[in-house]
Amino acid sequence: MKFRIPPLASDIIISIYAVITLYLRFKFEQNAIVSPMNSIVMGVCFVLIIWVFIKLKILNPNWFGLIKSKKAKS
């Protein structure tokens, strides 16, 4: 049995994760001299973490109902 988080909870977790990671990136870049390439790589790594959780079906976002799911189109 796979561990799955409900769609609304997934949306909330992804939103909180995005805000926290942006805050941490801005805070880190303000305190340390970071090149633009390092900043881009750090951002891609943060996005990659969420992408993996979505692909593994641990997070099941429905994007707060803004995007229709594939099941609804059938």
PDB file of N, CA and C in Angstrom:
ATOM      1  N   MET A   1       0.842  -1.189   0.000  1.00  0.00           N
ATOM      2  CA  MET A   1       0.000   0.000   0.000  1.00  0.00           C
ATOM      3  C   MET A   1       0.886   1.251   0.000  1.00  0.00           C
ATOM      4  N   LYS A   2       0.640   2.101  -0.954  1.00  0.00           N
ATOM      5  CA  LYS A   2       1.404   3.336  -1.057  1.00  0.00           C
ATOM      6  C   LYS A   2       0.830   4.401  -0.126  1.00  0.00           C
ATOM      7  N   PHE A   3       1.718   5.244   0.356  1.00  0.00           N
ATOM      8  CA  PHE A   3       1.297   6.373   1.167  1.00  0.00           C
ATOM      9  C   PHE A   3       0.898   7.504   0.225  1.00  0.00           C
ATOM     10  N   ARG A   4      -0.353   7.940   0.313  1.00  0.00           N
ATOM     11  CA  ARG A   4      -0.846   9.021  -0.549  1.00  0.00           C
ATOM     12  C   ARG A   4      -1.442  10.127   0.306  1.00  0.00           C
ATOM     13  N   ILE A   5      -1.142  11.325  -0.061  1.00  0.00           N
ATOM     14  CA  ILE A   5      -1.683  12.494   0.637  1.00  0.00           C
ATOM     15  C   ILE A   5      -2.850  12.998  -0.191  1.00  0.00           C
ATOM     16  N   PRO A   6      -3.987  13.318   0.443  1.00  0.00           N
ATOM     17  CA  PRO A   6      -5.163  13.800  -0.299  1.00  0.00           C
ATOM     18  C   PRO A   6      -4.851  15.076  -1.103  1.00  0.00           C
ATOM     19  N   PRO A   7      -5.620  15.314  -2.165  1.00  0.00           N
ATOM     20  CA  PRO A   7      -5.331  16.454  -3.064  1.00  0.00           C
ATOM     21  C   PRO A   7      -5.273  17.819  -2.381  1.00  0.00           C
ATOM     22  N   LEU A   8      -6.228  18.134  -1.516  1.00  0.00           N
ATOM     23  CA  LEU A   8      -6.213  19.451  -0.873  1.00  0.00           C
ATOM     24  C   LEU A   8      -5.000  19.596   0.034  1.00  0.00           C
ATOM     25  N   ALA A   9      -4.682  18.556   0.789  1.00  0.00           N
ATOM     26  CA  ALA A   9      -3.498  18.599   1.646  1.00  0.00           C
ATOM     27  C   ALA A   9      -2.231  18.712   0.800  1.00  0.00           C
ATOM     28  N   SER A  10      -2.191  18.038  -0.344  1.00  0.00           N
ATOM     29  CA  SER A  10      -1.039  18.132  -1.244  1.00  0.00           C
ATOM     30  C   SER A  10      -0.864  19.558  -1.749  1.00  0.00           C
ATOM     31  N   ASP A  11      -1.959  20.203  -2.116  1.00  0.00           N
ATOM     32  CA  ASP A  11      -1.892  21.595  -2.574  1.00  0.00           C
ATOM     33  C   ASP A  11      -1.334  22.502  -1.489  1.00  0.00           C
ATOM     34  N   ILE A  12      -1.793  22.306  -0.265  1.00  0.00           N
ATOM     35  CA  ILE A  12      -1.331  23.132   0.851  1.00  0.00           C
ATOM     36  C   ILE A  12       0.142  22.873   1.136  1.00  0.00           C
ATOM     37  N   ILE A  13       0.558  21.614   1.125  1.00  0.00           N
ATOM     38  CA  ILE A  13       1.958  21.276   1.375  1.00  0.00           C
ATOM     39  C   ILE A  13       2.857  21.879   0.298  1.00  0.00           C
ATOM     40  N   ILE A  14       2.459  21.776  -0.956  1.00  0.00           N
ATOM     41  CA  ILE A  14       3.262  22.324  -2.051  1.00  0.00           C
ATOM     42  C   ILE A  14       3.350  23.847  -1.948  1.00  0.00           C
ATOM     43  N   SER A  15       2.265  24.504  -1.596  1.00  0.00           N
ATOM     44  CA  SER A  15       2.272  25.961  -1.456  1.00  0.00           C
ATOM     45  C   SER A  15       3.191  26.403  -0.321  1.00  0.00           C
ATOM     46  N   ILE A  16       3.087  25.738   0.816  1.00  0.00           N
ATOM     47  CA  ILE A  16       3.948  26.073   1.950  1.00  0.00           C
ATOM     48  C   ILE A  16       5.410  25.802   1.605  1.00  0.00           C
ATOM     49  N   TYR A  17       5.681  24.682   0.949  1.00  0.00           N
ATOM     50  CA  TYR A  17       7.041  24.328   0.537  1.00  0.00           C
ATOM     51  C   TYR A  17       7.610  25.403  -0.394  1.00  0.00           C
ATOM     52  N   ALA A  18       6.819  25.855  -1.346  1.00  0.00           N
ATOM     53  CA  ALA A  18       7.297  26.872  -2.293  1.00  0.00           C
ATOM     54  C   ALA A  18       7.631  28.180  -1.576  1.00  0.00           C
ATOM     55  N   VAL A  19       6.781  28.599  -0.651  1.00  0.00           N
ATOM     56  CA  VAL A  19       7.030  29.845   0.079  1.00  0.00           C
ATOM     57  C   VAL A  19       8.273  29.720   0.957  1.00  0.00           C
ATOM     58  N   ILE A  20       8.418  28.601   1.651  1.00  0.00           N
ATOM     59  CA  ILE A  20       9.572  28.411   2.532  1.00  0.00           C
ATOM     60  C   ILE A  20      10.870  28.345   1.730  1.00  0.00           C
ATOM     61  N   THR A  21      10.866  27.613   0.623  1.00  0.00           N
ATOM     62  CA  THR A  21      12.099  27.503  -0.158  1.00  0.00           C
ATOM     63  C   THR A  21      12.488  28.842  -0.801  1.00  0.00           C
ATOM     64  N   LEU A  22      11.500  29.608  -1.242  1.00  0.00           N
ATOM     65  CA  LEU A  22      11.818  30.943  -1.770  1.00  0.00           C
ATOM     66  C   LEU A  22      12.400  31.829  -0.679  1.00  0.00           C
ATOM     67  N   TYR A  23      11.804  31.776   0.513  1.00  0.00           N
ATOM     68  CA  TYR A  23      12.313  32.566   1.637  1.00  0.00           C
ATOM     69  C   TYR A  23      13.750  32.165   1.958  1.00  0.00           C
ATOM     70  N   LEU A  24      14.006  30.852   2.034  1.00  0.00           N
ATOM     71  CA  LEU A  24      15.350  30.381   2.356  1.00  0.00           C
ATOM     72  C   LEU A  24      16.359  30.781   1.286  1.00  0.00           C
ATOM     73  N   ARG A  25      15.960  30.708   0.013  1.00  0.00           N
ATOM     74  CA  ARG A  25      16.867  31.116  -1.064  1.00  0.00           C
ATOM     75  C   ARG A  25      17.197  32.594  -0.975  1.00  0.00           C
ATOM     76  N   PHE A  26      16.180  33.444  -0.780  1.00  0.00           N
ATOM     77  CA  PHE A  26      16.432  34.883  -0.690  1.00  0.00           C
ATOM     78  C   PHE A  26      17.280  35.214   0.535  1.00  0.00           C
ATOM     79  N   LYS A  27      16.995  34.565   1.655  1.00  0.00           N
ATOM     80  CA  LYS A  27      17.752  34.804   2.888  1.00  0.00           C
ATOM     81  C   LYS A  27      19.202  34.369   2.715  1.00  0.00           C
ATOM     82  N   PHE A  28      19.423  33.188   2.124  1.00  0.00           N
ATOM     83  CA  PHE A  28      20.773  32.684   1.899  1.00  0.00           C
ATOM     84  C   PHE A  28      21.539  33.574   0.935  1.00  0.00           C
ATOM     85  N   GLU A  29      20.901  33.988  -0.132  1.00  0.00           N
ATOM     86  CA  GLU A  29      21.570  34.810  -1.137  1.00  0.00           C
ATOM     87  C   GLU A  29      21.881  36.200  -0.611  1.00  0.00           C
ATOM     88  N   GLN A  30      21.106  36.679   0.337  1.00  0.00           N
ATOM     89  CA  GLN A  30      21.359  37.990   0.915  1.00  0.00           C
ATOM     90  C   GLN A  30      22.586  37.945   1.831  1.00  0.00           C
ATOM     91  N   ASN A  31      22.740  36.839   2.555  1.00  0.00           N
ATOM     92  CA  ASN A  31      23.837  36.729   3.515  1.00  0.00           C
ATOM     93  C   ASN A  31      25.144  36.257   2.882  1.00  0.00           C
ATOM     94  N   ALA A  32      25.070  35.553   1.796  1.00  0.00           N
ATOM     95  CA  ALA A  32      26.274  35.028   1.146  1.00  0.00           C
ATOM     96  C   ALA A  32      26.304  35.502  -0.301  1.00  0.00           C
ATOM     97  N   ILE A  33      27.487  35.604  -0.821  1.00  0.00           N
ATOM     98  CA  ILE A  33      27.618  35.989  -2.226  1.00  0.00           C
ATOM     99  C   ILE A  33      27.425  34.722  -3.063  1.00  0.00           C
ATOM    100  N   VAL A  34      26.331  34.705  -3.805  1.00  0.00           N
ATOM    101  CA  VAL A  34      25.966  33.530  -4.592  1.00  0.00           C
ATOM    102  C   VAL A  34      25.854  33.959  -6.050  1.00  0.00           C
ATOM    103  N   SER A  35      26.461  33.175  -6.922  1.00  0.00           N
ATOM    104  CA  SER A  35      26.381  33.491  -8.341  1.00  0.00           C
ATOM    105  C   SER A  35      24.989  33.145  -8.876  1.00  0.00           C
ATOM    106  N   PRO A  36      24.583  33.750  -9.967  1.00  0.00           N
ATOM    107  CA  PRO A  36      23.273  33.433 -10.535  1.00  0.00           C
ATOM    108  C   PRO A  36      23.119  31.957 -10.900  1.00  0.00           C
ATOM    109  N   MET A  37      24.197  31.326 -11.358  1.00  0.00           N
ATOM    110  CA  MET A  37      24.117  29.911 -11.719  1.00  0.00           C
ATOM    111  C   MET A  37      23.867  29.043 -10.491  1.00  0.00           C
ATOM    112  N   ASN A  38      24.508  29.362  -9.375  1.00  0.00           N
ATOM    113  CA  ASN A  38      24.259  28.618  -8.139  1.00  0.00           C
ATOM    114  C   ASN A  38      22.815  28.787  -7.689  1.00  0.00           C
ATOM    115  N   SER A  39      22.279  29.975  -7.846  1.00  0.00           N
ATOM    116  CA  SER A  39      20.893  30.233  -7.475  1.00  0.00           C
ATOM    117  C   SER A  39      19.938  29.410  -8.330  1.00  0.00           C
ATOM    118  N   ILE A  40      20.212  29.339  -9.623  1.00  0.00           N
ATOM    119  CA  ILE A  40      19.356  28.560 -10.533  1.00  0.00           C
ATOM    120  C   ILE A  40      19.427  27.084 -10.194  1.00  0.00           C
ATOM    121  N   VAL A  41      20.619  26.578  -9.930  1.00  0.00           N
ATOM    122  CA  VAL A  41      20.775  25.165  -9.579  1.00  0.00           C
ATOM    123  C   VAL A  41      20.041  24.848  -8.283  1.00  0.00           C
ATOM    124  N   MET A  42      20.135  25.735  -7.307  1.00  0.00           N
ATOM    125  CA  MET A  42      19.431  25.532  -6.037  1.00  0.00           C
ATOM    126  C   MET A  42      17.919  25.507  -6.265  1.00  0.00           C
ATOM    127  N   GLY A  43      17.412  26.410  -7.083  1.00  0.00           N
ATOM    128  CA  GLY A  43      15.986  26.440  -7.388  1.00  0.00           C
ATOM    129  C   GLY A  43      15.525  25.185  -8.109  1.00  0.00           C
ATOM    130  N   VAL A  44      16.316  24.711  -9.061  1.00  0.00           N
ATOM    131  CA  VAL A  44      15.973  23.490  -9.791  1.00  0.00           C
ATOM    132  C   VAL A  44      15.957  22.292  -8.850  1.00  0.00           C
ATOM    133  N   CYS A  45      16.891  22.245  -7.917  1.00  0.00           N
ATOM    134  CA  CYS A  45      16.911  21.141  -6.943  1.00  0.00           C
ATOM    135  C   CYS A  45      15.656  21.150  -6.078  1.00  0.00           C
ATOM    136  N   PHE A  46      15.228  22.314  -5.636  1.00  0.00           N
ATOM    137  CA  PHE A  46      14.012  22.407  -4.833  1.00  0.00           C
ATOM    138  C   PHE A  46      12.785  21.963  -5.628  1.00  0.00           C
ATOM    139  N   VAL A  47      12.715  22.354  -6.886  1.00  0.00           N
ATOM    140  CA  VAL A  47      11.589  21.952  -7.728  1.00  0.00           C
ATOM    141  C   VAL A  47      11.643  20.459  -8.020  1.00  0.00           C
ATOM    142  N   LEU A  48      12.826  19.921  -8.202  1.00  0.00           N
ATOM    143  CA  LEU A  48      12.999  18.499  -8.478  1.00  0.00           C
ATOM    144  C   LEU A  48      12.485  17.630  -7.324  1.00  0.00           C
ATOM    145  N   ILE A  49      12.682  18.095  -6.102  1.00  0.00           N
ATOM    146  CA  ILE A  49      12.181  17.349  -4.937  1.00  0.00           C
ATOM    147  C   ILE A  49      10.665  17.208  -5.007  1.00  0.00           C
ATOM    148  N   ILE A  50       9.953  18.289  -5.268  1.00  0.00           N
ATOM    149  CA  ILE A  50       8.488  18.237  -5.352  1.00  0.00           C
ATOM    150  C   ILE A  50       8.062  17.392  -6.545  1.00  0.00           C
ATOM    151  N   TRP A  51       8.745  17.522  -7.672  1.00  0.00           N
ATOM    152  CA  TRP A  51       8.410  16.754  -8.872  1.00  0.00           C
ATOM    153  C   TRP A  51       8.498  15.256  -8.599  1.00  0.00           C
ATOM    154  N   VAL A  52       9.526  14.842  -7.873  1.00  0.00           N
ATOM    155  CA  VAL A  52       9.690  13.418  -7.555  1.00  0.00           C
ATOM    156  C   VAL A  52       8.529  12.931  -6.690  1.00  0.00           C
ATOM    157  N   PHE A  53       8.130  13.708  -5.698  1.00  0.00           N
ATOM    158  CA  PHE A  53       7.008  13.304  -4.849  1.00  0.00           C
ATOM    159  C   PHE A  53       5.704  13.217  -5.637  1.00  0.00           C
ATOM    160  N   ILE A  54       5.519  14.084  -6.619  1.00  0.00           N
ATOM    161  CA  ILE A  54       4.307  14.019  -7.450  1.00  0.00           C
ATOM    162  C   ILE A  54       4.367  12.803  -8.368  1.00  0.00           C
ATOM    163  N   LYS A  55       5.528  12.543  -8.968  1.00  0.00           N
ATOM    164  CA  LYS A  55       5.662  11.385  -9.856  1.00  0.00           C
ATOM    165  C   LYS A  55       5.510  10.059  -9.104  1.00  0.00           C
ATOM    166  N   LEU A  56       5.921  10.007  -7.849  1.00  0.00           N
ATOM    167  CA  LEU A  56       5.764   8.800  -7.035  1.00  0.00           C
ATOM    168  C   LEU A  56       4.348   8.660  -6.476  1.00  0.00           C
ATOM    169  N   LYS A  57       3.492   9.634  -6.790  1.00  0.00           N
ATOM    170  CA  LYS A  57       2.099   9.659  -6.349  1.00  0.00           C
ATOM    171  C   LYS A  57       1.963   9.782  -4.829  1.00  0.00           C
ATOM    172  N   ILE A  58       2.991  10.322  -4.177  1.00  0.00           N
ATOM    173  CA  ILE A  58       2.876  10.613  -2.744  1.00  0.00           C
ATOM    174  C   ILE A  58       2.069  11.895  -2.582  1.00  0.00           C
ATOM    175  N   LEU A  59       2.396  12.892  -3.394  1.00  0.00           N
ATOM    176  CA  LEU A  59       1.606  14.122  -3.438  1.00  0.00           C
ATOM    177  C   LEU A  59       0.676  14.028  -4.640  1.00  0.00           C
ATOM    178  N   ASN A  60      -0.577  14.378  -4.438  1.00  0.00           N
ATOM    179  CA  ASN A  60      -1.585  14.302  -5.496  1.00  0.00           C
ATOM    180  C   ASN A  60      -2.279  15.657  -5.655  1.00  0.00           C
ATOM    181  N   PRO A  61      -1.586  16.630  -6.211  1.00  0.00           N
ATOM    182  CA  PRO A  61      -2.189  17.967  -6.303  1.00  0.00           C
ATOM    183  C   PRO A  61      -3.327  18.027  -7.313  1.00  0.00           C
ATOM    184  N   ASN A  62      -4.313  18.847  -7.004  1.00  0.00           N
ATOM    185  CA  ASN A  62      -5.351  19.130  -7.994  1.00  0.00           C
ATOM    186  C   ASN A  62      -5.338  20.624  -8.309  1.00  0.00           C
ATOM    187  N   TRP A  63      -4.246  21.301  -7.894  1.00  0.00           N
ATOM    188  CA  TRP A  63      -3.992  22.708  -8.192  1.00  0.00           C
ATOM    189  C   TRP A  63      -5.167  23.586  -7.781  1.00  0.00           C
ATOM    190  N   PHE A  64      -5.729  23.292  -6.603  1.00  0.00           N
ATOM    191  CA  PHE A  64      -6.848  24.032  -6.017  1.00  0.00           C
ATOM    192  C   PHE A  64      -8.051  24.075  -6.951  1.00  0.00           C
ATOM    193  N   GLY A  65      -8.205  23.048  -7.773  1.00  0.00           N
ATOM    194  CA  GLY A  65      -9.345  22.924  -8.662  1.00  0.00           C
ATOM    195  C   GLY A  65      -9.253  23.761  -9.926  1.00  0.00           C
ATOM    196  N   LEU A  66      -8.109  24.380 -10.185  1.00  0.00           N
ATOM    197  CA  LEU A  66      -7.970  25.243 -11.355  1.00  0.00           C
ATOM    198  C   LEU A  66      -7.745  24.459 -12.642  1.00  0.00           C
ATOM    199  N   ILE A  67      -7.119  23.304 -12.541  1.00  0.00           N
ATOM    200  CA  ILE A  67      -6.830  22.497 -13.725  1.00  0.00           C
ATOM    201  C   ILE A  67      -7.621  21.200 -13.621  1.00  0.00           C
ATOM    202  N   LYS A  68      -8.329  20.871 -14.675  1.00  0.00           N
ATOM    203  CA  LYS A  68      -9.135  19.644 -14.688  1.00  0.00           C
ATOM    204  C   LYS A  68      -8.218  18.429 -14.729  1.00  0.00           C
ATOM    205  N   SER A  69      -8.596  17.401 -13.992  1.00  0.00           N
ATOM    206  CA  SER A  69      -7.777  16.178 -13.996  1.00  0.00           C
ATOM    207  C   SER A  69      -8.091  15.368 -15.247  1.00  0.00           C
ATOM    208  N   LYS A  70      -7.228  14.402 -15.545  1.00  0.00           N
ATOM    209  CA  LYS A  70      -7.403  13.568 -16.733  1.00  0.00           C
ATOM    210  C   LYS A  70      -8.644  12.675 -16.593  1.00  0.00           C
ATOM    211  N   LYS A  71      -8.992  12.298 -15.371  1.00  0.00           N
ATOM    212  CA  LYS A  71     -10.154  11.457 -15.144  1.00  0.00           C
ATOM    213  C   LYS A  71     -11.460  12.193 -15.447  1.00  0.00           C
ATOM    214  N   ALA A  72     -11.462  13.495 -15.215  1.00  0.00           N
ATOM    215  CA  ALA A  72     -12.678  14.280 -15.439  1.00  0.00           C
ATOM    216  C   ALA A  72     -12.957  14.470 -16.926  1.00  0.00           C
ATOM    217  N   LYS A  73     -11.937  14.405 -17.777  1.00  0.00           N
ATOM    218  CA  LYS A  73     -12.111  14.621 -19.211  1.00  0.00           C
ATOM    219  C   LYS A  73     -12.759  13.423 -19.910  1.00  0.00           C
ATOM    220  N   SER A  74     -12.682  12.255 -19.316  1.00  0.00           N
ATOM    221  CA  SER A  74     -13.211  11.038 -19.966  1.00  0.00           C
ATOM    222  C   SER A  74     -14.699  11.072 -20.118  1.00  0.00           C
TER     223      SER A  74
END
